[in-house]
Amino acid sequence: MQPIAVNWEKCKGCGLCLLACPVDVFRLNEHNKAVPVFADDCHVCHQCEDDCPTGAIHIAHTITSSRKASIYDQPGLDLTFVDWSAK
């Protein structure tokens, strides 16, 4: 299995993966489908996978450098939104 797989039947060519990827892994091919041209540069942040509206992108969970867990997921971290405009 490839570390980054794109299901071209699901891919609509919207380009959101290009915008989501912080290291510019994707390009659109001549059929307007996402291609992970620079897959070796992937930081495995899963932003492309999370932002794809059709679920066409899959990042392999066997990649050891996975950054799916974020510092914001740490137990006890208070992420309560404070609406300062209401004060």
PDB file of N, CA and C in Angstrom:
ATOM      1  N   MET A   1       0.845  -1.192   0.000  1.00  0.00           N
ATOM      2  CA  MET A   1       0.000   0.000   0.000  1.00  0.00           C
ATOM      3  C   MET A   1       0.880   1.241   0.000  1.00  0.00           C
ATOM      4  N   GLN A   2       0.490   2.202  -0.810  1.00  0.00           N
ATOM      5  CA  GLN A   2       1.209   3.467  -0.869  1.00  0.00           C
ATOM      6  C   GLN A   2       0.957   4.259   0.410  1.00  0.00           C
ATOM      7  N   PRO A   3       1.931   5.061   0.856  1.00  0.00           N
ATOM      8  CA  PRO A   3       1.716   5.857   2.056  1.00  0.00           C
ATOM      9  C   PRO A   3       0.596   6.885   1.886  1.00  0.00           C
ATOM     10  N   ILE A   4       0.411   7.388   0.668  1.00  0.00           N
ATOM     11  CA  ILE A   4      -0.680   8.318   0.374  1.00  0.00           C
ATOM     12  C   ILE A   4      -1.434   7.756  -0.822  1.00  0.00           C
ATOM     13  N   ALA A   5      -2.704   7.453  -0.600  1.00  0.00           N
ATOM     14  CA  ALA A   5      -3.523   6.901  -1.681  1.00  0.00           C
ATOM     15  C   ALA A   5      -4.651   7.871  -2.003  1.00  0.00           C
ATOM     16  N   VAL A   6      -4.884   8.078  -3.298  1.00  0.00           N
ATOM     17  CA  VAL A   6      -5.980   8.921  -3.752  1.00  0.00           C
ATOM     18  C   VAL A   6      -6.914   8.067  -4.600  1.00  0.00           C
ATOM     19  N   ASN A   7      -8.172   8.015  -4.202  1.00  0.00           N
ATOM     20  CA  ASN A   7      -9.190   7.312  -4.964  1.00  0.00           C
ATOM     21  C   ASN A   7      -9.693   8.272  -6.038  1.00  0.00           C
ATOM     22  N   TRP A   8      -9.262   8.051  -7.272  1.00  0.00           N
ATOM     23  CA  TRP A   8      -9.609   8.972  -8.349  1.00  0.00           C
ATOM     24  C   TRP A   8     -11.083   8.929  -8.705  1.00  0.00           C
ATOM     25  N   GLU A   9     -11.787   7.872  -8.339  1.00  0.00           N
ATOM     26  CA  GLU A   9     -13.229   7.838  -8.577  1.00  0.00           C
ATOM     27  C   GLU A   9     -13.950   8.818  -7.653  1.00  0.00           C
ATOM     28  N   LYS A  10     -13.407   9.013  -6.453  1.00  0.00           N
ATOM     29  CA  LYS A  10     -14.001   9.952  -5.503  1.00  0.00           C
ATOM     30  C   LYS A  10     -13.488  11.380  -5.688  1.00  0.00           C
ATOM     31  N   CYS A  11     -12.245  11.525  -6.161  1.00  0.00           N
ATOM     32  CA  CYS A  11     -11.626  12.845  -6.289  1.00  0.00           C
ATOM     33  C   CYS A  11     -12.378  13.685  -7.324  1.00  0.00           C
ATOM     34  N   LYS A  12     -12.784  14.887  -6.907  1.00  0.00           N
ATOM     35  CA  LYS A  12     -13.508  15.805  -7.786  1.00  0.00           C
ATOM     36  C   LYS A  12     -12.607  16.901  -8.356  1.00  0.00           C
ATOM     37  N   GLY A  13     -11.330  16.899  -7.966  1.00  0.00           N
ATOM     38  CA  GLY A  13     -10.402  17.893  -8.491  1.00  0.00           C
ATOM     39  C   GLY A  13     -10.607  19.278  -7.925  1.00  0.00           C
ATOM     40  N   CYS A  14     -11.135  19.363  -6.707  1.00  0.00           N
ATOM     41  CA  CYS A  14     -11.428  20.671  -6.108  1.00  0.00           C
ATOM     42  C   CYS A  14     -10.164  21.427  -5.695  1.00  0.00           C
ATOM     43  N   GLY A  15      -9.072  20.696  -5.442  1.00  0.00           N
ATOM     44  CA  GLY A  15      -7.813  21.335  -5.082  1.00  0.00           C
ATOM     45  C   GLY A  15      -7.661  21.670  -3.611  1.00  0.00           C
ATOM     46  N   LEU A  16      -8.603  21.273  -2.771  1.00  0.00           N
ATOM     47  CA  LEU A  16      -8.479  21.576  -1.345  1.00  0.00           C
ATOM     48  C   LEU A  16      -7.270  20.892  -0.718  1.00  0.00           C
ATOM     49  N   CYS A  17      -6.895  19.733  -1.235  1.00  0.00           N
ATOM     50  CA  CYS A  17      -5.705  19.048  -0.712  1.00  0.00           C
ATOM     51  C   CYS A  17      -4.445  19.868  -0.999  1.00  0.00           C
ATOM     52  N   LEU A  18      -4.414  20.531  -2.144  1.00  0.00           N
ATOM     53  CA  LEU A  18      -3.275  21.385  -2.471  1.00  0.00           C
ATOM     54  C   LEU A  18      -3.169  22.538  -1.488  1.00  0.00           C
ATOM     55  N   LEU A  19      -4.301  23.086  -1.118  1.00  0.00           N
ATOM     56  CA  LEU A  19      -4.322  24.195  -0.162  1.00  0.00           C
ATOM     57  C   LEU A  19      -4.025  23.726   1.257  1.00  0.00           C
ATOM     58  N   ALA A  20      -4.490  22.531   1.599  1.00  0.00           N
ATOM     59  CA  ALA A  20      -4.342  22.023   2.965  1.00  0.00           C
ATOM     60  C   ALA A  20      -2.919  21.570   3.274  1.00  0.00           C
ATOM     61  N   CYS A  21      -2.221  21.067   2.293  1.00  0.00           N
ATOM     62  CA  CYS A  21      -0.902  20.475   2.525  1.00  0.00           C
ATOM     63  C   CYS A  21       0.158  21.547   2.791  1.00  0.00           C
ATOM     64  N   PRO A  22       0.768  21.504   3.986  1.00  0.00           N
ATOM     65  CA  PRO A  22       1.775  22.520   4.315  1.00  0.00           C
ATOM     66  C   PRO A  22       3.114  22.332   3.598  1.00  0.00           C
ATOM     67  N   VAL A  23       3.333  21.158   2.977  1.00  0.00           N
ATOM     68  CA  VAL A  23       4.609  20.906   2.308  1.00  0.00           C
ATOM     69  C   VAL A  23       4.446  20.651   0.808  1.00  0.00           C
ATOM     70  N   ASP A  24       3.262  20.984   0.260  1.00  0.00           N
ATOM     71  CA  ASP A  24       3.064  20.997  -1.193  1.00  0.00           C
ATOM     72  C   ASP A  24       3.267  19.633  -1.841  1.00  0.00           C
ATOM     73  N   VAL A  25       2.661  18.594  -1.267  1.00  0.00           N
ATOM     74  CA  VAL A  25       2.814  17.227  -1.763  1.00  0.00           C
ATOM     75  C   VAL A  25       2.023  16.994  -3.046  1.00  0.00           C
ATOM     76  N   PHE A  26       0.857  17.613  -3.183  1.00  0.00           N
ATOM     77  CA  PHE A  26      -0.074  17.283  -4.265  1.00  0.00           C
ATOM     78  C   PHE A  26       0.023  18.204  -5.469  1.00  0.00           C
ATOM     79  N   ARG A  27      -0.346  17.642  -6.609  1.00  0.00           N
ATOM     80  CA  ARG A  27      -0.547  18.370  -7.854  1.00  0.00           C
ATOM     81  C   ARG A  27      -1.810  17.808  -8.493  1.00  0.00           C
ATOM     82  N   LEU A  28      -2.450  18.571  -9.347  1.00  0.00           N
ATOM     83  CA  LEU A  28      -3.555  18.050 -10.135  1.00  0.00           C
ATOM     84  C   LEU A  28      -3.021  17.595 -11.483  1.00  0.00           C
ATOM     85  N   ASN A  29      -3.424  16.391 -11.897  1.00  0.00           N
ATOM     86  CA  ASN A  29      -2.950  15.874 -13.178  1.00  0.00           C
ATOM     87  C   ASN A  29      -3.798  16.397 -14.333  1.00  0.00           C
ATOM     88  N   GLU A  30      -3.547  15.892 -15.521  1.00  0.00           N
ATOM     89  CA  GLU A  30      -4.248  16.366 -16.710  1.00  0.00           C
ATOM     90  C   GLU A  30      -5.748  16.044 -16.687  1.00  0.00           C
ATOM     91  N   HIS A  31      -6.155  15.122 -15.807  1.00  0.00           N
ATOM     92  CA  HIS A  31      -7.570  14.774 -15.649  1.00  0.00           C
ATOM     93  C   HIS A  31      -8.199  15.501 -14.459  1.00  0.00           C
ATOM     94  N   ASN A  32      -7.468  16.475 -13.925  1.00  0.00           N
ATOM     95  CA  ASN A  32      -7.912  17.268 -12.776  1.00  0.00           C
ATOM     96  C   ASN A  32      -8.142  16.402 -11.536  1.00  0.00           C
ATOM     97  N   LYS A  33      -7.230  15.454 -11.312  1.00  0.00           N
ATOM     98  CA  LYS A  33      -7.273  14.571 -10.153  1.00  0.00           C
ATOM     99  C   LYS A  33      -6.017  14.791  -9.324  1.00  0.00           C
ATOM    100  N   ALA A  34      -6.166  14.695  -7.997  1.00  0.00           N
ATOM    101  CA  ALA A  34      -5.030  14.901  -7.093  1.00  0.00           C
ATOM    102  C   ALA A  34      -4.031  13.754  -7.203  1.00  0.00           C
ATOM    103  N   VAL A  35      -2.758  14.134  -7.270  1.00  0.00           N
ATOM    104  CA  VAL A  35      -1.674  13.156  -7.330  1.00  0.00           C
ATOM    105  C   VAL A  35      -0.629  13.550  -6.291  1.00  0.00           C
ATOM    106  N   PRO A  36      -0.250  12.615  -5.391  1.00  0.00           N
ATOM    107  CA  PRO A  36       0.790  12.928  -4.408  1.00  0.00           C
ATOM    108  C   PRO A  36       2.183  12.841  -5.050  1.00  0.00           C
ATOM    109  N   VAL A  37       2.529  13.851  -5.807  1.00  0.00           N
ATOM    110  CA  VAL A  37       3.771  13.866  -6.587  1.00  0.00           C
ATOM    111  C   VAL A  37       5.002  13.847  -5.681  1.00  0.00           C
ATOM    112  N   PHE A  38       4.928  14.540  -4.565  1.00  0.00           N
ATOM    113  CA  PHE A  38       6.067  14.619  -3.652  1.00  0.00           C
ATOM    114  C   PHE A  38       5.735  13.930  -2.327  1.00  0.00           C
ATOM    115  N   ALA A  39       5.286  12.670  -2.417  1.00  0.00           N
ATOM    116  CA  ALA A  39       4.851  11.916  -1.235  1.00  0.00           C
ATOM    117  C   ALA A  39       5.966  11.761  -0.201  1.00  0.00           C
ATOM    118  N   ASP A  40       7.213  11.727  -0.638  1.00  0.00           N
ATOM    119  CA  ASP A  40       8.334  11.590   0.308  1.00  0.00           C
ATOM    120  C   ASP A  40       8.472  12.805   1.213  1.00  0.00           C
ATOM    121  N   ASP A  41       7.906  13.938   0.809  1.00  0.00           N
ATOM    122  CA  ASP A  41       7.970  15.153   1.626  1.00  0.00           C
ATOM    123  C   ASP A  41       6.860  15.238   2.667  1.00  0.00           C
ATOM    124  N   CYS A  42       5.928  14.291   2.628  1.00  0.00           N
ATOM    125  CA  CYS A  42       4.753  14.327   3.502  1.00  0.00           C
ATOM    126  C   CYS A  42       5.161  14.301   4.973  1.00  0.00           C
ATOM    127  N   HIS A  43       4.584  15.209   5.747  1.00  0.00           N
ATOM    128  CA  HIS A  43       4.821  15.266   7.192  1.00  0.00           C
ATOM    129  C   HIS A  43       3.787  14.464   7.959  1.00  0.00           C
ATOM    130  N   VAL A  44       2.865  13.860   7.247  1.00  0.00           N
ATOM    131  CA  VAL A  44       1.814  13.011   7.820  1.00  0.00           C
ATOM    132  C   VAL A  44       0.978  13.791   8.838  1.00  0.00           C
ATOM    133  N   CYS A  45       0.613  15.005   8.486  1.00  0.00           N
ATOM    134  CA  CYS A  45      -0.217  15.820   9.372  1.00  0.00           C
ATOM    135  C   CYS A  45      -1.699  15.507   9.189  1.00  0.00           C
ATOM    136  N   HIS A  46      -2.039  14.805   8.114  1.00  0.00           N
ATOM    137  CA  HIS A  46      -3.404  14.376   7.797  1.00  0.00           C
ATOM    138  C   HIS A  46      -4.334  15.523   7.419  1.00  0.00           C
ATOM    139  N   GLN A  47      -3.800  16.716   7.166  1.00  0.00           N
ATOM    140  CA  GLN A  47      -4.667  17.836   6.809  1.00  0.00           C
ATOM    141  C   GLN A  47      -5.371  17.598   5.479  1.00  0.00           C
ATOM    142  N   CYS A  48      -4.671  17.023   4.521  1.00  0.00           N
ATOM    143  CA  CYS A  48      -5.285  16.736   3.218  1.00  0.00           C
ATOM    144  C   CYS A  48      -6.423  15.732   3.380  1.00  0.00           C
ATOM    145  N   GLU A  49      -6.156  14.699   4.154  1.00  0.00           N
ATOM    146  CA  GLU A  49      -7.153  13.653   4.397  1.00  0.00           C
ATOM    147  C   GLU A  49      -8.381  14.223   5.108  1.00  0.00           C
ATOM    148  N   ASP A  50      -8.136  15.055   6.112  1.00  0.00           N
ATOM    149  CA  ASP A  50      -9.229  15.654   6.877  1.00  0.00           C
ATOM    150  C   ASP A  50     -10.022  16.670   6.064  1.00  0.00           C
ATOM    151  N   ASP A  51      -9.360  17.406   5.169  1.00  0.00           N
ATOM    152  CA  ASP A  51     -10.020  18.474   4.415  1.00  0.00           C
ATOM    153  C   ASP A  51     -10.683  18.016   3.124  1.00  0.00           C
ATOM    154  N   CYS A  52     -10.370  16.813   2.671  1.00  0.00           N
ATOM    155  CA  CYS A  52     -10.951  16.319   1.417  1.00  0.00           C
ATOM    156  C   CYS A  52     -12.453  16.103   1.598  1.00  0.00           C
ATOM    157  N   PRO A  53     -13.294  16.848   0.863  1.00  0.00           N
ATOM    158  CA  PRO A  53     -14.740  16.757   1.061  1.00  0.00           C
ATOM    159  C   PRO A  53     -15.348  15.432   0.612  1.00  0.00           C
ATOM    160  N   THR A  54     -14.650  14.690  -0.239  1.00  0.00           N
ATOM    161  CA  THR A  54     -15.191  13.417  -0.726  1.00  0.00           C
ATOM    162  C   THR A  54     -14.527  12.207  -0.075  1.00  0.00           C
ATOM    163  N   GLY A  55     -13.533  12.430   0.768  1.00  0.00           N
ATOM    164  CA  GLY A  55     -12.845  11.317   1.415  1.00  0.00           C
ATOM    165  C   GLY A  55     -11.985  10.513   0.456  1.00  0.00           C
ATOM    166  N   ALA A  56     -11.491  11.163  -0.581  1.00  0.00           N
ATOM    167  CA  ALA A  56     -10.711  10.468  -1.604  1.00  0.00           C
ATOM    168  C   ALA A  56      -9.269  10.181  -1.179  1.00  0.00           C
ATOM    169  N   ILE A  57      -8.779  10.856  -0.162  1.00  0.00           N
ATOM    170  CA  ILE A  57      -7.377  10.723   0.245  1.00  0.00           C
ATOM    171  C   ILE A  57      -7.281   9.857   1.492  1.00  0.00           C
ATOM    172  N   HIS A  58      -6.326   8.936   1.457  1.00  0.00           N
ATOM    173  CA  HIS A  58      -6.074   8.082   2.621  1.00  0.00           C
ATOM    174  C   HIS A  58      -4.575   8.071   2.904  1.00  0.00           C
ATOM    175  N   ILE A  59      -4.223   8.388   4.149  1.00  0.00           N
ATOM    176  CA  ILE A  59      -2.831   8.332   4.592  1.00  0.00           C
ATOM    177  C   ILE A  59      -2.659   7.026   5.355  1.00  0.00           C
ATOM    178  N   ALA A  60      -1.663   6.239   4.988  1.00  0.00           N
ATOM    179  CA  ALA A  60      -1.430   4.954   5.638  1.00  0.00           C
ATOM    180  C   ALA A  60      -1.102   5.152   7.111  1.00  0.00           C
ATOM    181  N   HIS A  61      -1.707   4.344   7.948  1.00  0.00           N
ATOM    182  CA  HIS A  61      -1.467   4.429   9.386  1.00  0.00           C
ATOM    183  C   HIS A  61      -0.208   3.694   9.795  1.00  0.00           C
ATOM    184  N   THR A  62       0.477   3.100   8.827  1.00  0.00           N
ATOM    185  CA  THR A  62       1.717   2.382   9.118  1.00  0.00           C
ATOM    186  C   THR A  62       2.924   3.300   9.083  1.00  0.00           C
ATOM    187  N   ILE A  63       2.726   4.551   8.696  1.00  0.00           N
ATOM    188  CA  ILE A  63       3.828   5.504   8.654  1.00  0.00           C
ATOM    189  C   ILE A  63       4.204   5.854  10.087  1.00  0.00           C
ATOM    190  N   THR A  64       5.467   5.690  10.434  1.00  0.00           N
ATOM    191  CA  THR A  64       5.885   5.849  11.829  1.00  0.00           C
ATOM    192  C   THR A  64       5.999   7.295  12.268  1.00  0.00           C
ATOM    193  N   SER A  65       6.074   8.228  11.346  1.00  0.00           N
ATOM    194  CA  SER A  65       6.229   9.629  11.730  1.00  0.00           C
ATOM    195  C   SER A  65       4.886  10.352  11.819  1.00  0.00           C
ATOM    196  N   SER A  66       3.828   9.603  12.055  1.00  0.00           N
ATOM    197  CA  SER A  66       2.493  10.184  12.065  1.00  0.00           C
ATOM    198  C   SER A  66       2.371  11.292  13.106  1.00  0.00           C
ATOM    199  N   ARG A  67       1.795  12.412  12.677  1.00  0.00           N
ATOM    200  CA  ARG A  67       1.573  13.550  13.564  1.00  0.00           C
ATOM    201  C   ARG A  67       0.082  13.741  13.785  1.00  0.00           C
ATOM    202  N   LYS A  68      -0.701  12.677  13.640  1.00  0.00           N
ATOM    203  CA  LYS A  68      -2.147  12.769  13.807  1.00  0.00           C
ATOM    204  C   LYS A  68      -2.495  13.269  15.203  1.00  0.00           C
ATOM    205  N   ALA A  69      -1.732  12.831  16.201  1.00  0.00           N
ATOM    206  CA  ALA A  69      -1.949  13.325  17.555  1.00  0.00           C
ATOM    207  C   ALA A  69      -1.338  14.717  17.654  1.00  0.00           C
ATOM    208  N   SER A  70      -2.123  15.641  18.078  1.00  0.00           N
ATOM    209  CA  SER A  70      -1.699  17.027  18.167  1.00  0.00           C
ATOM    210  C   SER A  70      -1.487  17.423  19.618  1.00  0.00           C
ATOM    211  N   ILE A  71      -0.722  18.482  19.838  1.00  0.00           N
ATOM    212  CA  ILE A  71      -0.566  18.987  21.200  1.00  0.00           C
ATOM    213  C   ILE A  71      -1.910  19.450  21.739  1.00  0.00           C
ATOM    214  N   TYR A  72      -2.838  19.781  20.840  1.00  0.00           N
ATOM    215  CA  TYR A  72      -4.155  20.230  21.264  1.00  0.00           C
ATOM    216  C   TYR A  72      -5.035  19.073  21.750  1.00  0.00           C
ATOM    217  N   ASP A  73      -4.587  17.839  21.516  1.00  0.00           N
ATOM    218  CA  ASP A  73      -5.325  16.667  21.964  1.00  0.00           C
ATOM    219  C   ASP A  73      -4.885  16.208  23.349  1.00  0.00           C
ATOM    220  N   GLN A  74      -3.936  16.890  23.953  1.00  0.00           N
ATOM    221  CA  GLN A  74      -3.413  16.464  25.243  1.00  0.00           C
ATOM    222  C   GLN A  74      -4.479  16.593  26.328  1.00  0.00           C
ATOM    223  N   PRO A  75      -4.583  15.580  27.188  1.00  0.00           N
ATOM    224  CA  PRO A  75      -5.571  15.644  28.273  1.00  0.00           C
ATOM    225  C   PRO A  75      -5.288  16.824  29.196  1.00  0.00           C
ATOM    226  N   GLY A  76      -6.338  17.473  29.614  1.00  0.00           N
ATOM    227  CA  GLY A  76      -6.207  18.565  30.568  1.00  0.00           C
ATOM    228  C   GLY A  76      -5.961  19.922  29.943  1.00  0.00           C
ATOM    229  N   LEU A  77      -5.775  19.982  28.640  1.00  0.00           N
ATOM    230  CA  LEU A  77      -5.541  21.265  27.984  1.00  0.00           C
ATOM    231  C   LEU A  77      -6.890  21.948  27.765  1.00  0.00           C
ATOM    232  N   ASP A  78      -7.073  23.107  28.357  1.00  0.00           N
ATOM    233  CA  ASP A  78      -8.334  23.833  28.276  1.00  0.00           C
ATOM    234  C   ASP A  78      -8.380  24.660  26.995  1.00  0.00           C
ATOM    235  N   LEU A  79      -9.242  24.259  26.086  1.00  0.00           N
ATOM    236  CA  LEU A  79      -9.390  24.978  24.821  1.00  0.00           C
ATOM    237  C   LEU A  79     -10.733  25.694  24.750  1.00  0.00           C
ATOM    238  N   THR A  80     -11.231  26.104  25.888  1.00  0.00           N
ATOM    239  CA  THR A  80     -12.502  26.801  25.954  1.00  0.00           C
ATOM    240  C   THR A  80     -12.411  28.115  25.184  1.00  0.00           C
ATOM    241  N   PHE A  81     -13.376  28.311  24.293  1.00  0.00           N
ATOM    242  CA  PHE A  81     -13.411  29.537  23.503  1.00  0.00           C
ATOM    243  C   PHE A  81     -13.910  30.690  24.371  1.00  0.00           C
ATOM    244  N   VAL A  82     -13.185  31.765  24.364  1.00  0.00           N
ATOM    245  CA  VAL A  82     -13.589  32.953  25.095  1.00  0.00           C
ATOM    246  C   VAL A  82     -13.995  34.008  24.081  1.00  0.00           C
ATOM    247  N   ASP A  83     -15.238  34.428  24.136  1.00  0.00           N
ATOM    248  CA  ASP A  83     -15.742  35.449  23.228  1.00  0.00           C
ATOM    249  C   ASP A  83     -15.451  36.820  23.845  1.00  0.00           C
ATOM    250  N   TRP A  84     -14.301  37.372  23.489  1.00  0.00           N
ATOM    251  CA  TRP A  84     -13.880  38.654  24.053  1.00  0.00           C
ATOM    252  C   TRP A  84     -14.737  39.809  23.570  1.00  0.00           C
ATOM    253  N   SER A  85     -15.414  39.634  22.445  1.00  0.00           N
ATOM    254  CA  SER A  85     -16.252  40.729  21.920  1.00  0.00           C
ATOM    255  C   SER A  85     -17.498  40.929  22.770  1.00  0.00           C
ATOM    256  N   ALA A  86     -17.884  39.942  23.564  1.00  0.00           N
ATOM    257  CA  ALA A  86     -19.088  40.035  24.393  1.00  0.00           C
ATOM    258  C   ALA A  86     -18.825  40.782  25.688  1.00  0.00           C
ATOM    259  N   LYS A  87     -17.574  41.084  25.989  1.00  0.00           N
ATOM    260  CA  LYS A  87     -17.236  41.730  27.260  1.00  0.00           C
ATOM    261  C   LYS A  87     -17.110  43.218  27.104  1.00  0.00           C
TER     262      LYS A  87
END
